[in-house]
Protein backbone atom coordinates (compact mmCIF):
# COMPACT_ATOMS: atom_id res chain seq x y z
CA MET A 1 29.03 73.79 -74.44
CA SER A 2 32.30 72.19 -75.69
CA GLN A 3 35.13 73.27 -77.86
CA THR A 4 38.10 71.45 -79.16
CA ASP A 5 41.35 73.12 -80.56
CA ALA A 6 43.65 71.25 -82.99
CA ASN A 7 46.85 72.85 -81.69
CA HIS A 8 47.25 70.58 -78.60
CA PRO A 9 45.61 72.84 -75.95
CA GLU A 10 47.31 72.73 -72.64
CA PHE A 11 44.18 71.98 -70.55
CA ASP A 12 42.01 68.87 -70.77
CA LEU A 13 38.94 70.64 -69.38
CA LEU A 14 38.06 74.12 -68.59
CA ILE A 15 35.03 74.83 -66.30
CA LYS A 16 34.00 78.51 -67.01
CA ASN A 17 31.88 80.89 -65.01
CA VAL A 18 31.74 79.48 -61.48
CA ARG A 19 31.96 81.00 -57.99
CA VAL A 20 34.77 79.11 -56.34
CA VAL A 21 34.31 78.13 -52.68
CA ARG A 22 37.59 77.51 -50.88
CA PRO A 23 37.80 76.21 -47.35
CA GLN A 24 39.81 79.13 -46.05
CA GLY A 25 38.73 82.75 -46.24
CA ASN A 26 35.21 84.32 -46.02
CA ALA A 27 34.35 84.94 -49.58
CA VAL A 28 33.70 83.11 -52.94
CA HIS A 29 35.35 84.29 -56.17
CA ALA A 30 34.05 84.35 -59.65
CA SER A 31 36.51 82.31 -61.57
CA ASP A 32 37.26 79.50 -64.12
CA ILE A 33 38.86 76.26 -63.38
CA ALA A 34 41.34 74.66 -65.77
CA ILE A 35 42.14 70.95 -65.30
CA THR A 36 45.06 68.76 -66.67
CA ASP A 37 45.69 65.05 -65.99
CA GLY A 38 43.09 64.97 -63.40
CA ARG A 39 44.54 67.86 -61.38
CA ILE A 40 43.70 71.43 -61.09
CA ALA A 41 46.10 73.47 -63.33
CA LEU A 42 44.79 77.01 -62.97
CA VAL A 43 42.11 78.88 -61.12
CA ALA A 44 41.63 82.40 -62.54
CA PRO A 45 39.06 84.61 -64.14
CA ALA A 46 38.52 84.81 -67.84
CA ILE A 47 40.72 81.86 -68.93
CA ASP A 48 40.82 81.71 -72.76
CA VAL A 49 38.68 78.77 -74.01
CA ALA A 50 41.23 78.11 -76.80
CA ARG A 51 43.60 76.72 -74.15
CA ALA A 52 41.36 73.88 -73.42
CA LYS A 53 40.22 70.66 -75.30
CA THR A 54 36.92 70.76 -73.73
CA VAL A 55 34.90 73.55 -72.06
CA HIS A 56 31.99 73.28 -69.62
CA ASP A 57 29.79 76.32 -68.69
CA GLY A 58 29.38 76.44 -64.96
CA LYS A 59 26.50 78.88 -65.24
CA GLY A 60 27.48 80.92 -62.18
CA TYR A 61 27.01 78.01 -59.84
CA LEU A 62 29.00 77.53 -56.71
CA ALA A 63 32.15 75.37 -57.13
CA PHE A 64 32.61 73.49 -53.81
CA PRO A 65 35.68 71.04 -53.38
CA GLY A 66 34.34 67.48 -53.78
CA VAL A 67 33.02 66.26 -50.51
CA VAL A 68 34.97 63.86 -48.39
CA ASP A 69 32.32 61.79 -46.73
CA ALA A 70 34.57 60.43 -44.00
CA HIS A 71 31.94 58.15 -42.43
CA MET A 72 30.24 55.57 -44.55
CA HIS A 73 29.43 51.93 -44.27
CA SER A 74 29.39 50.37 -47.74
CA GLY A 75 28.73 46.62 -47.49
CA ILE A 76 27.26 46.49 -44.04
CA TYR A 77 23.67 45.18 -44.81
CA SER A 78 24.13 44.28 -48.48
CA PRO A 79 27.02 42.56 -50.22
CA LEU A 80 29.93 44.85 -50.75
CA ASP A 81 30.05 44.29 -54.48
CA GLU A 82 26.50 45.58 -54.75
CA ASP A 83 26.77 48.48 -52.25
CA ALA A 84 30.08 49.69 -53.70
CA VAL A 85 28.27 50.38 -57.03
CA SER A 86 24.85 51.70 -55.89
CA GLU A 87 25.81 53.70 -52.81
CA SER A 88 28.83 55.31 -54.47
CA LYS A 89 26.33 56.49 -57.14
CA ALA A 90 24.31 58.04 -54.34
CA ALA A 91 27.51 59.58 -52.95
CA ALA A 92 28.26 61.25 -56.42
CA MET A 93 24.69 62.64 -56.49
CA GLY A 94 25.53 64.35 -53.21
CA GLY A 95 28.73 66.01 -54.44
CA VAL A 96 30.87 63.37 -52.75
CA THR A 97 34.03 62.43 -54.42
CA SER A 98 35.91 60.59 -51.61
CA SER A 99 34.14 57.87 -49.57
CA LEU A 100 35.78 56.58 -46.38
CA ASN A 101 34.04 53.46 -45.16
CA TYR A 102 34.22 51.99 -41.69
CA PHE A 103 34.81 48.22 -41.98
CA ARG A 104 35.51 45.26 -39.59
CA THR A 105 35.46 41.57 -39.22
CA GLY A 106 32.42 39.90 -37.52
CA GLN A 107 28.73 39.73 -38.33
CA TYR A 108 27.49 42.01 -41.18
CA TYR A 109 30.08 43.16 -43.60
CA LEU A 110 31.63 39.89 -44.95
CA ASN A 111 30.46 37.79 -42.00
CA LYS A 112 33.89 36.60 -41.35
CA GLY A 113 36.37 36.61 -38.40
CA GLY A 114 40.09 36.07 -38.51
CA PRO A 115 43.18 38.18 -39.19
CA TYR A 116 43.06 41.17 -41.43
CA LYS A 117 46.02 39.66 -43.41
CA LYS A 118 43.27 37.31 -44.97
CA PHE A 119 40.22 39.49 -44.63
CA TYR A 120 41.33 42.94 -45.99
CA PRO A 121 42.80 41.73 -49.42
CA GLU A 122 39.22 40.26 -50.01
CA VAL A 123 37.77 43.74 -49.23
CA LEU A 124 40.12 45.39 -51.70
CA LYS A 125 39.48 42.82 -54.38
CA THR A 126 35.68 43.04 -54.08
CA SER A 127 35.86 46.80 -54.15
CA LYS A 128 38.24 47.24 -57.17
CA GLY A 129 36.42 48.69 -60.17
CA ARG A 130 33.12 49.14 -58.53
CA PHE A 131 33.13 52.56 -56.78
CA HIS A 132 32.08 55.63 -58.76
CA VAL A 133 34.02 57.85 -56.29
CA ASP A 134 37.48 57.51 -54.74
CA TYR A 135 37.30 55.18 -51.80
CA GLY A 136 39.16 54.03 -48.67
CA PHE A 137 38.55 52.14 -45.42
CA HIS A 138 38.86 52.66 -41.68
CA LEU A 139 39.50 49.32 -39.94
CA ALA A 140 38.41 48.22 -36.43
CA PRO A 141 40.85 46.04 -34.47
CA MET A 142 38.34 43.48 -32.97
CA ASP A 143 40.91 41.15 -31.35
CA SER A 144 44.58 41.03 -30.25
CA THR A 145 45.74 39.65 -33.63
CA HIS A 146 44.37 42.76 -35.31
CA ILE A 147 46.31 45.11 -32.98
CA LYS A 148 49.53 43.27 -34.02
CA GLU A 149 48.63 43.86 -37.65
CA ILE A 150 48.31 47.59 -37.46
CA PRO A 151 51.90 48.29 -38.75
CA GLU A 152 51.29 46.05 -41.62
CA LEU A 153 47.92 47.61 -42.48
CA ILE A 154 49.56 51.08 -42.42
CA GLU A 155 52.62 50.13 -44.54
CA LYS A 156 51.26 47.59 -46.91
CA HIS A 157 47.59 48.73 -47.44
CA GLY A 158 47.66 52.51 -46.69
CA VAL A 159 45.15 52.24 -43.80
CA SER A 160 45.85 55.20 -41.62
CA SER A 161 42.62 55.37 -39.41
CA PHE A 162 41.19 52.81 -37.02
CA LYS A 163 37.99 52.51 -35.00
CA ILE A 164 36.63 51.41 -31.61
CA PHE A 165 32.84 50.76 -31.14
CA MET A 166 32.87 51.41 -27.39
CA PHE A 167 29.44 49.77 -26.81
CA TYR A 168 29.94 46.40 -28.50
CA GLY A 169 31.38 44.70 -25.43
CA SER A 170 27.91 43.95 -23.87
CA HIS A 171 25.38 45.63 -26.13
CA GLY A 172 24.30 44.67 -29.68
CA LEU A 173 24.26 46.72 -32.90
CA HIS A 174 20.49 47.04 -32.66
CA GLY A 175 19.83 46.70 -28.83
CA ALA A 176 20.63 44.60 -25.84
CA SER A 177 22.46 41.41 -26.60
CA ASN A 178 24.07 38.58 -24.73
CA THR A 179 25.74 36.92 -27.82
CA GLN A 180 28.74 39.05 -28.25
CA LYS A 181 31.16 36.41 -29.12
CA ASP A 182 28.95 35.21 -32.06
CA PHE A 183 28.42 38.79 -33.17
CA LEU A 184 32.02 39.97 -32.92
CA MET A 185 33.46 36.53 -34.16
CA ILE A 186 36.45 36.80 -31.81
CA GLY A 187 38.18 34.00 -29.93
CA GLU A 188 37.34 32.66 -26.51
CA GLU A 189 40.49 34.37 -25.08
CA ASP A 190 39.58 37.74 -26.48
CA ARG A 191 37.48 40.37 -24.76
CA TYR A 192 36.02 43.56 -26.45
CA ASP A 193 36.26 45.86 -23.41
CA TYR A 194 38.16 48.87 -21.97
CA ALA A 195 41.37 46.86 -21.61
CA HIS A 196 41.15 46.06 -25.33
CA PHE A 197 40.56 49.74 -26.15
CA GLU A 198 43.67 50.67 -24.18
CA PHE A 199 45.79 48.12 -26.00
CA ILE A 200 44.42 49.33 -29.36
CA MET A 201 45.55 52.87 -28.50
CA ARG A 202 48.98 51.61 -27.45
CA GLY A 203 49.25 49.67 -30.68
CA ILE A 204 48.37 52.69 -32.74
CA GLN A 205 50.67 54.95 -30.84
CA ALA A 206 53.54 52.45 -31.25
CA ALA A 207 52.79 52.37 -35.06
CA ARG A 208 52.86 56.21 -35.11
CA GLU A 209 56.36 56.10 -33.51
CA GLN A 210 57.39 53.33 -36.19
CA PHE A 211 56.20 55.56 -39.08
CA PRO A 212 57.05 59.13 -37.89
CA GLU A 213 56.68 60.58 -41.41
CA ARG A 214 53.00 59.42 -41.46
CA ALA A 215 52.32 59.90 -37.84
CA LYS A 216 50.44 63.24 -38.17
CA GLN A 217 47.77 61.46 -40.19
CA ILE A 218 47.40 58.21 -38.27
CA SER A 219 44.39 58.42 -35.97
CA LEU A 220 41.82 56.56 -33.95
CA SER A 221 38.02 57.06 -34.19
CA LEU A 222 35.60 56.12 -31.39
CA HIS A 223 31.82 55.49 -31.39
CA CYS A 224 31.13 56.85 -27.84
CA GLU A 225 28.30 55.21 -26.08
CA THR A 226 28.41 53.19 -22.84
CA ALA A 227 27.08 49.70 -23.04
CA GLU A 228 26.22 49.24 -19.33
CA VAL A 229 24.29 52.41 -19.14
CA MET A 230 22.34 51.58 -22.37
CA THR A 231 21.53 48.08 -21.35
CA ALA A 232 20.09 49.30 -18.01
CA TYR A 233 18.13 52.10 -19.56
CA THR A 234 16.83 49.94 -22.41
CA LYS A 235 15.15 47.63 -19.78
CA LEU A 236 13.52 50.64 -18.06
CA VAL A 237 12.34 52.22 -21.27
CA GLU A 238 10.85 49.03 -22.69
CA LYS A 239 8.59 49.00 -19.59
CA ASP A 240 7.63 52.62 -19.91
CA LYS A 241 4.51 52.61 -22.06
CA SER A 242 4.48 56.36 -22.21
CA LEU A 243 7.44 56.36 -24.65
CA SER A 244 7.56 54.92 -28.07
CA GLY A 245 9.37 55.34 -31.43
CA LEU A 246 12.39 57.54 -31.72
CA ALA A 247 11.70 59.15 -28.31
CA ALA A 248 11.92 55.71 -26.67
CA TYR A 249 15.10 54.78 -28.53
CA SER A 250 16.74 58.03 -27.53
CA ALA A 251 15.78 57.52 -23.86
CA SER A 252 17.15 53.95 -24.04
CA ARG A 253 20.57 55.30 -25.19
CA PRO A 254 20.65 58.43 -22.96
CA GLN A 255 22.80 61.39 -23.66
CA HIS A 256 24.96 60.96 -20.66
CA SER A 257 25.95 57.54 -21.89
CA GLU A 258 27.63 59.31 -24.84
CA GLY A 259 29.26 61.91 -22.41
CA LEU A 260 30.63 59.17 -20.13
CA ALA A 261 32.10 57.28 -23.05
CA VAL A 262 33.81 60.49 -24.29
CA PHE A 263 35.39 60.85 -20.78
CA ILE A 264 36.67 57.30 -20.73
CA ALA A 265 37.99 57.56 -24.32
CA ALA A 266 39.77 60.71 -23.55
CA TYR A 267 41.37 59.38 -20.37
CA LEU A 268 42.57 56.36 -22.16
CA ALA A 269 44.09 58.47 -24.95
CA ASN A 270 45.97 60.41 -22.29
CA GLU A 271 47.22 57.30 -20.53
CA THR A 272 48.45 55.84 -23.82
CA ALA A 273 49.82 59.11 -25.18
CA LEU A 274 47.84 58.77 -28.39
CA PRO A 275 47.22 62.39 -29.56
CA ASN A 276 45.06 61.85 -32.58
CA ILE A 277 41.39 61.12 -31.53
CA ASN A 278 38.30 61.47 -33.50
CA LEU A 279 34.94 61.47 -31.59
CA LEU A 280 32.44 60.29 -34.10
CA HIS A 281 28.79 61.29 -34.62
CA LEU A 282 28.24 63.42 -31.46
CA SER A 283 24.46 63.64 -31.09
CA SER A 284 23.73 65.57 -28.05
CA ARG A 285 24.55 68.66 -25.91
CA LYS A 286 26.00 66.37 -23.21
CA ALA A 287 28.22 64.59 -25.74
CA VAL A 288 29.62 67.87 -27.21
CA GLN A 289 30.10 69.40 -23.76
CA ALA A 290 32.00 66.31 -22.64
CA ALA A 291 34.18 66.50 -25.73
CA MET A 292 34.92 70.28 -25.14
CA MET A 293 35.73 69.53 -21.48
CA MET A 294 38.22 66.87 -22.38
CA SER A 295 39.88 69.22 -24.79
CA ASP A 296 40.46 71.47 -21.90
CA VAL A 297 41.69 68.80 -19.49
CA PHE A 298 43.97 67.20 -22.01
CA PRO A 299 45.10 70.01 -24.39
CA HIS A 300 47.97 67.86 -25.73
CA ILE A 301 45.41 65.52 -27.35
CA ASP A 302 44.08 66.61 -30.75
CA PHE A 303 40.46 65.88 -30.50
CA LYS A 304 38.33 66.10 -33.61
CA ARG A 305 34.57 66.15 -33.18
CA GLU A 306 32.17 64.82 -35.89
CA VAL A 307 28.42 65.33 -36.41
CA THR A 308 26.23 63.73 -39.11
CA ILE A 309 23.72 65.42 -41.41
CA GLY A 310 21.09 63.19 -39.95
CA HIS A 311 21.62 64.42 -36.35
CA LEU A 312 21.48 67.98 -37.83
CA MET A 313 18.25 67.60 -39.76
CA LEU A 314 16.13 65.14 -37.90
CA ASP A 315 14.63 64.92 -34.37
CA ILE A 316 12.50 62.46 -32.32
CA THR A 317 9.32 63.87 -33.81
CA SER A 318 10.38 62.86 -37.35
CA LYS A 319 7.55 61.08 -39.36
CA ALA A 320 10.26 58.59 -40.47
CA ALA A 321 9.84 56.92 -37.01
CA GLU A 322 11.66 53.67 -36.90
CA LEU A 323 13.21 54.17 -40.46
CA ALA A 324 15.32 56.84 -38.72
CA LYS A 325 16.66 54.50 -36.03
CA VAL A 326 20.45 54.89 -35.81
CA ASN A 327 23.27 54.73 -33.27
CA PRO A 328 23.66 57.09 -31.47
CA PRO A 329 19.97 57.89 -31.75
CA ILE A 330 18.11 60.77 -33.32
CA ARG A 331 17.70 63.22 -30.49
CA PRO A 332 15.00 65.82 -29.22
CA ARG A 333 14.98 69.23 -30.95
CA GLU A 334 16.93 70.90 -28.17
CA ASP A 335 19.87 68.73 -28.82
CA VAL A 336 19.61 69.37 -32.59
CA GLU A 337 19.74 73.11 -31.99
CA PHE A 338 22.79 72.64 -29.70
CA LEU A 339 24.56 70.80 -32.39
CA TRP A 340 23.94 73.62 -34.85
CA GLU A 341 25.28 76.12 -32.31
CA ALA A 342 28.38 74.05 -31.83
CA LEU A 343 28.91 73.70 -35.58
CA LEU A 344 28.39 77.38 -36.28
CA SER A 345 30.84 78.29 -33.53
CA GLY A 346 33.56 75.91 -34.95
CA GLU A 347 33.43 73.36 -32.16
CA LEU A 348 32.54 70.46 -34.65
CA ASP A 349 35.20 69.71 -37.21
CA TRP A 350 33.36 67.89 -39.96
CA VAL A 351 29.99 66.80 -41.13
CA VAL A 352 29.46 63.35 -42.62
CA SER A 353 26.47 60.96 -43.67
CA ASP A 354 27.17 57.88 -41.67
CA HIS A 355 25.65 56.33 -44.74
CA ALA A 356 24.61 52.70 -44.15
CA CYS A 357 22.16 51.49 -46.80
CA CYS A 358 19.61 49.26 -45.05
CA ARG A 359 16.89 48.28 -47.38
CA HIS A 360 13.27 48.36 -46.31
CA GLU A 361 12.89 44.60 -45.93
CA THR A 362 16.10 44.48 -43.78
CA LYS A 363 15.44 47.70 -41.80
CA ILE A 364 12.07 46.40 -40.38
CA PRO A 365 9.91 43.48 -41.59
CA LYS A 366 6.26 44.40 -42.27
CA ARG A 367 5.01 42.56 -39.22
CA TYR A 368 7.07 44.77 -36.95
CA PHE A 369 6.08 48.24 -38.38
CA GLY A 370 5.71 50.64 -35.49
CA ASN A 371 8.08 48.68 -33.29
CA ILE A 372 11.40 50.65 -32.73
CA TRP A 373 12.99 47.76 -30.87
CA MET A 374 12.71 45.31 -33.87
CA ALA A 375 14.25 47.82 -36.50
CA LYS A 376 17.85 47.60 -37.63
CA SER A 377 20.06 50.53 -36.92
CA GLY A 378 21.36 52.88 -39.57
CA PHE A 379 20.23 54.52 -42.84
CA GLY A 380 21.69 56.14 -45.92
CA GLY A 381 21.98 59.87 -46.77
CA THR A 382 25.27 60.58 -48.39
CA GLU A 383 23.32 61.95 -51.48
CA TYR A 384 21.72 64.70 -49.18
CA LEU A 385 24.91 65.59 -47.33
CA LEU A 386 26.00 68.69 -49.23
CA PRO A 387 22.53 69.86 -50.39
CA ALA A 388 21.17 69.59 -46.85
CA LEU A 389 24.12 71.38 -45.27
CA VAL A 390 23.94 74.21 -47.79
CA SER A 391 20.19 74.56 -47.48
CA GLU A 392 19.98 74.51 -43.64
CA GLY A 393 23.39 76.06 -43.13
CA THR A 394 22.55 79.06 -45.32
CA ARG A 395 19.40 79.62 -43.49
CA ARG A 396 21.37 79.80 -40.24
CA GLY A 397 24.04 82.11 -41.53
CA MET A 398 26.83 79.55 -42.17
CA SER A 399 29.34 80.73 -44.76
CA TYR A 400 30.05 78.66 -47.83
CA ASN A 401 33.73 78.61 -46.86
CA HIS A 402 32.88 77.10 -43.47
CA MET A 403 30.74 74.44 -45.24
CA ALA A 404 33.67 73.60 -47.48
CA ARG A 405 35.92 73.30 -44.38
CA VAL A 406 33.56 70.82 -42.64
CA THR A 407 32.71 68.75 -45.68
CA SER A 408 36.08 68.62 -47.51
CA TRP A 409 39.23 70.20 -46.06
CA ASN A 410 39.12 69.12 -42.42
CA PRO A 411 38.41 65.45 -43.05
CA ALA A 412 40.86 65.38 -45.85
CA GLN A 413 43.61 66.79 -43.61
CA ARG A 414 42.85 64.41 -40.74
CA TYR A 415 42.51 61.32 -42.81
CA GLY A 416 45.52 61.68 -44.95
CA LEU A 417 43.92 62.82 -48.30
CA ASN A 418 46.61 65.42 -49.14
CA LYS A 419 45.34 66.08 -52.65
CA LYS A 420 41.76 66.47 -51.65
CA GLY A 421 39.63 69.19 -49.97
CA ASP A 422 40.40 72.43 -51.80
CA ILE A 423 40.12 74.01 -55.28
CA ALA A 424 43.76 75.02 -55.86
CA VAL A 425 46.52 74.30 -58.19
CA GLY A 426 47.97 70.81 -57.77
CA TYR A 427 44.88 69.38 -56.01
CA ASP A 428 42.83 66.59 -57.46
CA ALA A 429 40.07 68.14 -59.73
CA ASP A 430 37.19 66.94 -57.46
CA ILE A 431 34.44 69.53 -57.75
CA ALA A 432 30.81 69.77 -56.87
CA LEU A 433 28.81 72.42 -58.64
CA VAL A 434 25.95 73.63 -56.45
CA ASN A 435 22.89 75.69 -57.34
CA PRO A 436 22.19 77.55 -54.10
CA ALA A 437 18.79 78.84 -55.33
CA HIS A 438 17.02 75.56 -56.41
CA THR A 439 14.04 74.49 -54.23
CA TRP A 440 13.32 70.80 -54.46
CA THR A 441 11.90 68.07 -52.23
CA ILE A 442 13.63 64.85 -51.16
CA HIS A 443 12.13 61.67 -52.50
CA ALA A 444 13.78 58.29 -52.19
CA LYS A 445 12.69 57.31 -55.68
CA ASP A 446 14.98 59.92 -57.15
CA SER A 447 18.13 58.42 -55.48
CA PRO A 448 20.29 55.61 -57.06
CA SER A 449 20.72 54.08 -53.71
CA THR A 450 19.01 50.70 -53.36
CA GLN A 451 17.64 51.55 -49.90
CA GLY A 452 14.14 52.41 -51.28
CA TYR A 453 13.21 54.84 -48.56
CA THR A 454 14.81 57.79 -46.79
CA PRO A 455 14.16 59.38 -43.31
CA PHE A 456 14.70 62.67 -45.07
CA GLU A 457 11.60 61.97 -47.40
CA GLY A 458 9.62 65.15 -47.89
CA LEU A 459 12.21 67.64 -46.60
CA GLU A 460 12.38 70.67 -48.81
CA MET A 461 15.81 71.69 -49.91
CA SER A 462 16.87 75.13 -51.19
CA ALA A 463 20.11 74.03 -52.82
CA SER A 464 21.06 71.21 -55.08
CA VAL A 465 24.18 69.54 -56.62
CA VAL A 466 24.17 70.03 -60.33
CA SER A 467 27.33 68.32 -61.36
CA THR A 468 30.10 66.27 -59.71
CA TYR A 469 33.62 65.96 -61.10
CA LEU A 470 36.02 63.24 -59.95
CA ARG A 471 39.60 64.08 -60.85
CA GLY A 472 38.35 66.08 -63.86
CA HIS A 473 35.90 63.49 -65.11
CA LEU A 474 32.13 64.42 -64.95
CA ILE A 475 30.47 61.57 -62.96
CA TYR A 476 27.14 63.16 -62.14
CA GLN A 477 24.92 65.68 -63.88
CA ASP A 478 21.33 66.71 -63.46
CA GLY A 479 20.14 63.67 -61.71
CA GLN A 480 22.10 61.09 -63.63
CA VAL A 481 25.33 59.20 -62.77
CA ILE A 482 27.58 59.19 -65.81
CA GLY A 483 29.92 56.50 -67.03
CA LYS A 484 31.53 53.38 -65.57
CA PRO A 485 33.01 53.41 -62.00
CA ARG A 486 36.16 55.52 -61.87
CA GLY A 487 36.87 55.36 -58.22
CA GLN A 488 40.51 54.69 -57.14
CA TYR A 489 41.55 53.17 -53.82
CA LEU A 490 42.96 55.87 -51.45
CA PHE A 491 46.29 54.50 -50.05
CA ARG A 492 46.57 56.91 -47.06
CA PRO A 493 48.34 59.12 -46.25
CA THR A 494 48.36 60.10 -49.98
CA ALA A 495 51.49 61.79 -51.43
């Protein structure tokens, strides 16, 4: 319902009758949410409707802070100008209001090398006016020039987070590879190896010292897998005819490869005195245990530990088979159960989608159906992030407040989104209304993503996102994305 008052009401929008889920505490509270100029102006019960220009009835739904999907890959397999539109629509469907996308030079993405001074303005120009949710980018320093550019990327472009892909040095994106120079598009004098990783860390730490007021929210993320171990195991597994599909791919990138990479990353962080380290998409018991051990060994390093909704919902028996190929791999059920134990006990800091829209014809050509080795790595899932976590998390006894912490507050705090992640006065009015008692089945055809399939196909959910608000604007409701793209670039850290 809506109501307008001629006497200049103080609020632009009033969302009545919701149960507010905040990231702190252990309860939800029946309340109303008043919004002015895109910010939350008041959270209280029984706010008079005459105080607002427009009133929406929240129907008793849960009001979550808008999801900060801190790990996406817009523009990796399709042109960025297309992905920005379609995949941000999918994000809005999942209650996501902030999309942080990993980006780099080299093959895929823009298929260009060279300095970020030339590369990144093109990324920003292409993105402008296309995202339906607020958006930002994490950048990967691929060569020595990029390391020198870190201070400028922070100061001029508000990029406060960087990434290392630890396996790229001698292993390809989809499997074993001997053409790294062509793939990475770096110079003959450059090497993508442990020494380069050390120099990235030194460069980021020097930048933190250069910008002390921003240092707390400048961080480095690492994809932790070990190229040499994976290359050797891939050769062994390819010869082992008893393994196929997701089980074979998991065995070819074994869990101890993750654990070893975590150890190396942690030691280098200690050596370079870089305290803000994010360990991405941990997929196995060995990886999580390694991460916890490193926290004990180096207590002065602030390790944050990430998990994806894919690794929480799928295992190697999934009917999706090669459509669920991703790095690190989907794991056996015992690893999935360990990830849930770690999440519920507070050992994992945030949950993301690792959304990388890979259309069917790109993912695996028809002639290679059933061949895990010929499939591309990665798949989308941002539209199922919040519904799947609420559905499965509720079944496992996870509180709504905990869900809000790991989908919104924690990543917002780490990545410099200081007006995101909570439903409180002064924060951006980013809100996802969730029906926690709506049973439905995931079908790719219902998603605005251009992927055309999903590894989550056929999974039954017990919760759904009903509406998504971005800075007080309704951008998604009842299956439909509403209006033109409103997403703004997130210059981080934000004010």
